[in-house]
Amino acid sequence: MHKKISAGVLLVILAVFAGSCKKDTLPKPASQLRLDYPEAKYASFSNHCPFEFEMNEDAIIKEDKNCGFSIQYPKMKATIYLTYKTVNNNINVLLRDAQKLTYEHVIKADDILEQPFINYDHKVYGMFYQVDGNAATNSQFYVTDSIKHFVTGSVYFFAKPNFDSIMPAASYIKNDMQRLMETIRWK
């Protein structure tokens, strides 16, 4: 026995099926915070101190005592600290202190990479350190002419050390520090 289905009932059934069809809810894939920084533009910095260098135009520089400088990156909550010392037959002590400062971070560091730097034309010799891991500083350097001048530099972030979260900013500032170190000229 077949019964005829009325057109009205058929429309109701089709409406129920059509209304119940919807896209399945899928979890969103894991994502990372994207931090884009402007392309760095560099300008020469010179004052009464016995050295000059190039620095990122977006950074804010403040002179500290004895020709030391704080180069601030407010958007990244980071500062590069430069310290100047005169060499007075104490180059071995200055080198040992600069290396000791870097290797104090070995407890938290996963690795410390050393990159020697030599510029014979301008008599600038030094070492750049990249500190990987959750150390307080991710990049440091020293440069000297071995006779009169000695400059150290290190970057510090005003945040709990978590290299994964500050890696984009640390990489950006590391490039700025290398540029600064490579452009130091003695007066």
C-alpha atoms as a PDB file:
ATOM      1  CA  MET A   1       0.000   0.000   0.000  1.00  0.00           C
ATOM      2  CA  HIS A   2       1.532   3.222  -1.179  1.00  0.00           C
ATOM      3  CA  LYS A   3       0.447   6.534   0.091  1.00  0.00           C
ATOM      4  CA  LYS A   4       0.972   9.683  -1.812  1.00  0.00           C
ATOM      5  CA  ILE A   5       3.103  12.240  -0.068  1.00  0.00           C
ATOM      6  CA  SER A   6       1.624  15.636  -0.382  1.00  0.00           C
ATOM      7  CA  ALA A   7       3.682  18.493  -1.801  1.00  0.00           C
ATOM      8  CA  GLY A   8       3.467  20.390   1.501  1.00  0.00           C
ATOM      9  CA  VAL A   9       4.930  17.521   3.515  1.00  0.00           C
ATOM     10  CA  LEU A  10       7.674  17.093   0.944  1.00  0.00           C
ATOM     11  CA  LEU A  11       8.582  20.785   1.209  1.00  0.00           C
ATOM     12  CA  VAL A  12       8.751  20.536   5.024  1.00  0.00           C
ATOM     13  CA  ILE A  13      11.037  17.490   4.844  1.00  0.00           C
ATOM     14  CA  LEU A  14      13.322  19.214   2.312  1.00  0.00           C
ATOM     15  CA  ALA A  15      13.418  22.365   4.454  1.00  0.00           C
ATOM     16  CA  VAL A  16      14.416  20.334   7.536  1.00  0.00           C
ATOM     17  CA  PHE A  17      17.212  18.587   5.624  1.00  0.00           C
ATOM     18  CA  ALA A  18      18.425  21.817   4.049  1.00  0.00           C
ATOM     19  CA  GLY A  19      18.401  23.653   7.372  1.00  0.00           C
ATOM     20  CA  SER A  20      20.290  20.909   9.156  1.00  0.00           C
ATOM     21  CA  CYS A  21      23.160  20.979   6.688  1.00  0.00           C
ATOM     22  CA  LYS A  22      25.899  23.247   7.901  1.00  0.00           C
ATOM     23  CA  LYS A  23      29.639  23.258   7.840  1.00  0.00           C
ATOM     24  CA  ASP A  24      31.391  21.188  10.443  1.00  0.00           C
ATOM     25  CA  THR A  25      33.183  23.227  13.063  1.00  0.00           C
ATOM     26  CA  LEU A  26      36.906  22.593  12.867  1.00  0.00           C
ATOM     27  CA  PRO A  27      39.471  23.761  15.396  1.00  0.00           C
ATOM     28  CA  LYS A  28      41.654  26.622  14.208  1.00  0.00           C
ATOM     29  CA  PRO A  29      45.242  25.679  13.437  1.00  0.00           C
ATOM     30  CA  ALA A  30      47.937  26.822  15.818  1.00  0.00           C
ATOM     31  CA  SER A  31      49.326  30.185  14.827  1.00  0.00           C
ATOM     32  CA  GLN A  32      52.242  32.389  15.700  1.00  0.00           C
ATOM     33  CA  LEU A  33      52.245  36.093  16.435  1.00  0.00           C
ATOM     34  CA  ARG A  34      53.577  37.877  13.382  1.00  0.00           C
ATOM     35  CA  LEU A  35      55.872  40.755  14.181  1.00  0.00           C
ATOM     36  CA  ASP A  36      56.927  42.862  11.244  1.00  0.00           C
ATOM     37  CA  TYR A  37      59.529  45.536  11.767  1.00  0.00           C
ATOM     38  CA  PRO A  38      60.351  48.290   9.315  1.00  0.00           C
ATOM     39  CA  GLU A  39      63.414  47.876   7.164  1.00  0.00           C
ATOM     40  CA  ALA A  40      66.336  49.332   9.098  1.00  0.00           C
ATOM     41  CA  LYS A  41      67.754  52.625   7.920  1.00  0.00           C
ATOM     42  CA  TYR A  42      71.094  53.651   9.355  1.00  0.00           C
ATOM     43  CA  ALA A  43      72.607  57.047  10.073  1.00  0.00           C
ATOM     44  CA  SER A  44      76.027  58.065  11.348  1.00  0.00           C
ATOM     45  CA  PHE A  45      76.297  59.092  14.972  1.00  0.00           C
ATOM     46  CA  SER A  46      79.154  61.241  16.161  1.00  0.00           C
ATOM     47  CA  ASN A  47      79.716  63.545  19.135  1.00  0.00           C
ATOM     48  CA  HIS A  48      82.632  64.525  21.378  1.00  0.00           C
ATOM     49  CA  CYS A  49      83.525  60.888  22.185  1.00  0.00           C
ATOM     50  CA  PRO A  50      86.606  59.270  20.591  1.00  0.00           C
ATOM     51  CA  PHE A  51      84.577  56.975  18.328  1.00  0.00           C
ATOM     52  CA  GLU A  52      81.634  57.137  15.936  1.00  0.00           C
ATOM     53  CA  PHE A  53      79.299  54.552  14.430  1.00  0.00           C
ATOM     54  CA  GLU A  54      76.124  53.964  12.457  1.00  0.00           C
ATOM     55  CA  MET A  55      72.854  53.192  14.210  1.00  0.00           C
ATOM     56  CA  ASN A  56      69.229  52.510  13.327  1.00  0.00           C
ATOM     57  CA  GLU A  57      67.340  55.776  12.723  1.00  0.00           C
ATOM     58  CA  ASP A  58      64.306  54.404  14.624  1.00  0.00           C
ATOM     59  CA  ALA A  59      66.290  53.904  17.842  1.00  0.00           C
ATOM     60  CA  ILE A  60      66.677  56.564  20.530  1.00  0.00           C
ATOM     61  CA  ILE A  61      70.198  57.222  21.772  1.00  0.00           C
ATOM     62  CA  LYS A  62      71.092  58.664  25.172  1.00  0.00           C
ATOM     63  CA  GLU A  63      74.611  59.427  26.310  1.00  0.00           C
ATOM     64  CA  ASP A  64      75.591  58.042  29.670  1.00  0.00           C
ATOM     65  CA  LYS A  65      78.745  58.893  31.594  1.00  0.00           C
ATOM     66  CA  ASN A  66      82.243  58.392  30.182  1.00  0.00           C
ATOM     67  CA  CYS A  67      81.096  58.061  26.549  1.00  0.00           C
ATOM     68  CA  GLY A  68      78.760  55.185  27.255  1.00  0.00           C
ATOM     69  CA  PHE A  69      75.435  55.059  25.442  1.00  0.00           C
ATOM     70  CA  SER A  70      71.961  53.564  25.780  1.00  0.00           C
ATOM     71  CA  ILE A  71      70.309  52.904  22.441  1.00  0.00           C
ATOM     72  CA  GLN A  72      66.638  52.248  23.099  1.00  0.00           C
ATOM     73  CA  TYR A  73      64.046  50.421  21.025  1.00  0.00           C
ATOM     74  CA  PRO A  74      60.790  51.344  22.798  1.00  0.00           C
ATOM     75  CA  LYS A  75      58.499  49.233  20.575  1.00  0.00           C
ATOM     76  CA  MET A  76      60.582  46.143  21.305  1.00  0.00           C
ATOM     77  CA  LYS A  77      61.264  46.990  24.944  1.00  0.00           C
ATOM     78  CA  ALA A  78      64.989  46.550  24.387  1.00  0.00           C
ATOM     79  CA  THR A  79      68.151  48.578  24.913  1.00  0.00           C
ATOM     80  CA  ILE A  80      71.675  48.257  23.554  1.00  0.00           C
ATOM     81  CA  TYR A  81      74.225  49.392  26.139  1.00  0.00           C
ATOM     82  CA  LEU A  82      77.603  50.639  24.904  1.00  0.00           C
ATOM     83  CA  THR A  83      80.522  51.124  27.267  1.00  0.00           C
ATOM     84  CA  TYR A  84      83.751  52.890  26.389  1.00  0.00           C
ATOM     85  CA  LYS A  85      87.047  52.404  28.199  1.00  0.00           C
ATOM     86  CA  THR A  86      90.497  53.771  27.540  1.00  0.00           C
ATOM     87  CA  VAL A  87      93.251  51.201  27.114  1.00  0.00           C
ATOM     88  CA  ASN A  88      96.132  51.895  29.539  1.00  0.00           C
ATOM     89  CA  ASN A  89      98.384  48.834  29.261  1.00  0.00           C
ATOM     90  CA  ASN A  90      95.380  46.803  30.462  1.00  0.00           C
ATOM     91  CA  ILE A  91      94.114  45.251  27.211  1.00  0.00           C
ATOM     92  CA  ASN A  92      94.306  41.715  28.656  1.00  0.00           C
ATOM     93  CA  VAL A  93      92.132  42.705  31.628  1.00  0.00           C
ATOM     94  CA  LEU A  94      89.583  44.428  29.363  1.00  0.00           C
ATOM     95  CA  LEU A  95      89.422  41.412  27.036  1.00  0.00           C
ATOM     96  CA  ARG A  96      89.056  38.989  29.950  1.00  0.00           C
ATOM     97  CA  ASP A  97      86.256  41.112  31.482  1.00  0.00           C
ATOM     98  CA  ALA A  98      84.382  41.326  28.159  1.00  0.00           C
ATOM     99  CA  GLN A  99      84.612  37.572  27.631  1.00  0.00           C
ATOM    100  CA  LYS A 100      83.658  36.868  31.242  1.00  0.00           C
ATOM    101  CA  LEU A 101      80.537  39.021  30.846  1.00  0.00           C
ATOM    102  CA  THR A 102      79.438  36.907  27.890  1.00  0.00           C
ATOM    103  CA  TYR A 103      80.198  33.548  29.453  1.00  0.00           C
ATOM    104  CA  GLU A 104      78.317  34.386  32.667  1.00  0.00           C
ATOM    105  CA  HIS A 105      75.211  33.609  30.571  1.00  0.00           C
ATOM    106  CA  VAL A 106      76.349  30.050  29.836  1.00  0.00           C
ATOM    107  CA  ILE A 107      74.068  28.720  32.612  1.00  0.00           C
ATOM    108  CA  LYS A 108      70.896  29.748  30.734  1.00  0.00           C
ATOM    109  CA  ALA A 109      72.325  29.695  27.208  1.00  0.00           C
ATOM    110  CA  ASP A 110      71.868  26.797  24.824  1.00  0.00           C
ATOM    111  CA  ASP A 111      74.845  27.890  22.759  1.00  0.00           C
ATOM    112  CA  ILE A 112      77.243  30.833  22.386  1.00  0.00           C
ATOM    113  CA  LEU A 113      78.487  31.526  18.876  1.00  0.00           C
ATOM    114  CA  GLU A 114      81.627  33.633  18.419  1.00  0.00           C
ATOM    115  CA  GLN A 115      82.247  35.690  15.279  1.00  0.00           C
ATOM    116  CA  PRO A 116      85.656  37.394  15.103  1.00  0.00           C
ATOM    117  CA  PHE A 117      85.722  40.829  13.495  1.00  0.00           C
ATOM    118  CA  ILE A 118      88.777  42.432  11.881  1.00  0.00           C
ATOM    119  CA  ASN A 119      88.909  45.720   9.972  1.00  0.00           C
ATOM    120  CA  TYR A 120      92.573  46.356   9.203  1.00  0.00           C
ATOM    121  CA  ASP A 121      91.893  49.615   7.333  1.00  0.00           C
ATOM    122  CA  HIS A 122      90.315  51.295  10.376  1.00  0.00           C
ATOM    123  CA  LYS A 123      92.187  49.316  13.056  1.00  0.00           C
ATOM    124  CA  VAL A 124      89.034  47.859  14.601  1.00  0.00           C
ATOM    125  CA  TYR A 125      89.316  44.325  16.015  1.00  0.00           C
ATOM    126  CA  GLY A 126      86.787  42.452  18.076  1.00  0.00           C
ATOM    127  CA  MET A 127      84.346  39.645  18.668  1.00  0.00           C
ATOM    128  CA  PHE A 128      80.586  39.363  18.232  1.00  0.00           C
ATOM    129  CA  TYR A 129      78.741  36.870  20.443  1.00  0.00           C
ATOM    130  CA  GLN A 130      75.319  35.424  19.685  1.00  0.00           C
ATOM    131  CA  VAL A 131      73.838  33.839  22.799  1.00  0.00           C
ATOM    132  CA  ASP A 132      71.096  31.316  22.006  1.00  0.00           C
ATOM    133  CA  GLY A 133      68.572  30.290  24.636  1.00  0.00           C
ATOM    134  CA  ASN A 134      66.834  31.996  27.546  1.00  0.00           C
ATOM    135  CA  ALA A 135      69.768  34.143  28.618  1.00  0.00           C
ATOM    136  CA  ALA A 136      69.378  37.743  29.769  1.00  0.00           C
ATOM    137  CA  THR A 137      71.223  39.024  26.689  1.00  0.00           C
ATOM    138  CA  ASN A 138      71.136  37.535  23.201  1.00  0.00           C
ATOM    139  CA  SER A 139      73.944  39.512  21.569  1.00  0.00           C
ATOM    140  CA  GLN A 140      77.162  41.075  22.790  1.00  0.00           C
ATOM    141  CA  PHE A 141      80.360  42.395  21.271  1.00  0.00           C
ATOM    142  CA  TYR A 142      83.618  44.130  21.987  1.00  0.00           C
ATOM    143  CA  VAL A 143      85.919  46.075  19.681  1.00  0.00           C
ATOM    144  CA  THR A 144      89.309  47.661  20.240  1.00  0.00           C
ATOM    145  CA  ASP A 145      92.299  49.122  18.454  1.00  0.00           C
ATOM    146  CA  SER A 146      94.474  47.391  21.128  1.00  0.00           C
ATOM    147  CA  ILE A 147      96.265  50.658  21.937  1.00  0.00           C
ATOM    148  CA  LYS A 148      93.804  53.358  23.083  1.00  0.00           C
ATOM    149  CA  HIS A 149      90.148  52.380  22.703  1.00  0.00           C
ATOM    150  CA  PHE A 150      87.872  49.594  23.935  1.00  0.00           C
ATOM    151  CA  VAL A 151      84.069  49.448  23.391  1.00  0.00           C
ATOM    152  CA  THR A 152      81.646  46.772  24.575  1.00  0.00           C
ATOM    153  CA  GLY A 153      78.013  46.401  23.600  1.00  0.00           C
ATOM    154  CA  SER A 154      75.155  44.210  24.803  1.00  0.00           C
ATOM    155  CA  VAL A 155      71.409  44.114  24.317  1.00  0.00           C
ATOM    156  CA  TYR A 156      68.868  43.555  27.077  1.00  0.00           C
ATOM    157  CA  PHE A 157      65.119  43.056  26.751  1.00  0.00           C
ATOM    158  CA  PHE A 158      62.827  44.324  29.472  1.00  0.00           C
ATOM    159  CA  ALA A 159      60.931  41.056  29.611  1.00  0.00           C
ATOM    160  CA  LYS A 160      61.403  37.661  31.182  1.00  0.00           C
ATOM    161  CA  PRO A 161      63.975  35.808  29.063  1.00  0.00           C
ATOM    162  CA  ASN A 162      62.011  33.551  26.716  1.00  0.00           C
ATOM    163  CA  PHE A 163      63.935  33.340  23.484  1.00  0.00           C
ATOM    164  CA  ASP A 164      61.034  31.899  21.473  1.00  0.00           C
ATOM    165  CA  SER A 165      58.829  34.912  22.127  1.00  0.00           C
ATOM    166  CA  ILE A 166      61.481  37.613  21.600  1.00  0.00           C
ATOM    167  CA  MET A 167      63.276  35.914  18.701  1.00  0.00           C
ATOM    168  CA  PRO A 168      61.997  38.260  15.939  1.00  0.00           C
ATOM    169  CA  ALA A 169      63.005  41.361  17.924  1.00  0.00           C
ATOM    170  CA  ALA A 170      66.291  39.764  19.011  1.00  0.00           C
ATOM    171  CA  SER A 171      67.158  38.958  15.407  1.00  0.00           C
ATOM    172  CA  TYR A 172      66.319  42.502  14.264  1.00  0.00           C
ATOM    173  CA  ILE A 173      68.449  44.102  16.988  1.00  0.00           C
ATOM    174  CA  LYS A 174      71.269  41.604  16.459  1.00  0.00           C
ATOM    175  CA  ASN A 175      71.561  42.898  12.892  1.00  0.00           C
ATOM    176  CA  ASP A 176      71.646  46.475  14.206  1.00  0.00           C
ATOM    177  CA  MET A 177      74.367  45.568  16.705  1.00  0.00           C
ATOM    178  CA  GLN A 178      76.488  43.945  14.029  1.00  0.00           C
ATOM    179  CA  ARG A 179      76.112  47.026  11.837  1.00  0.00           C
ATOM    180  CA  LEU A 180      77.032  49.271  14.781  1.00  0.00           C
ATOM    181  CA  MET A 181      80.110  47.170  15.585  1.00  0.00           C
ATOM    182  CA  GLU A 182      81.251  46.985  11.959  1.00  0.00           C
ATOM    183  CA  THR A 183      80.959  50.754  11.467  1.00  0.00           C
ATOM    184  CA  ILE A 184      82.844  51.912  14.581  1.00  0.00           C
ATOM    185  CA  ARG A 185      85.618  54.313  13.644  1.00  0.00           C
ATOM    186  CA  TRP A 186      88.169  55.795  16.029  1.00  0.00           C
ATOM    187  CA  LYS A 187      88.705  59.559  16.000  1.00  0.00           C
END
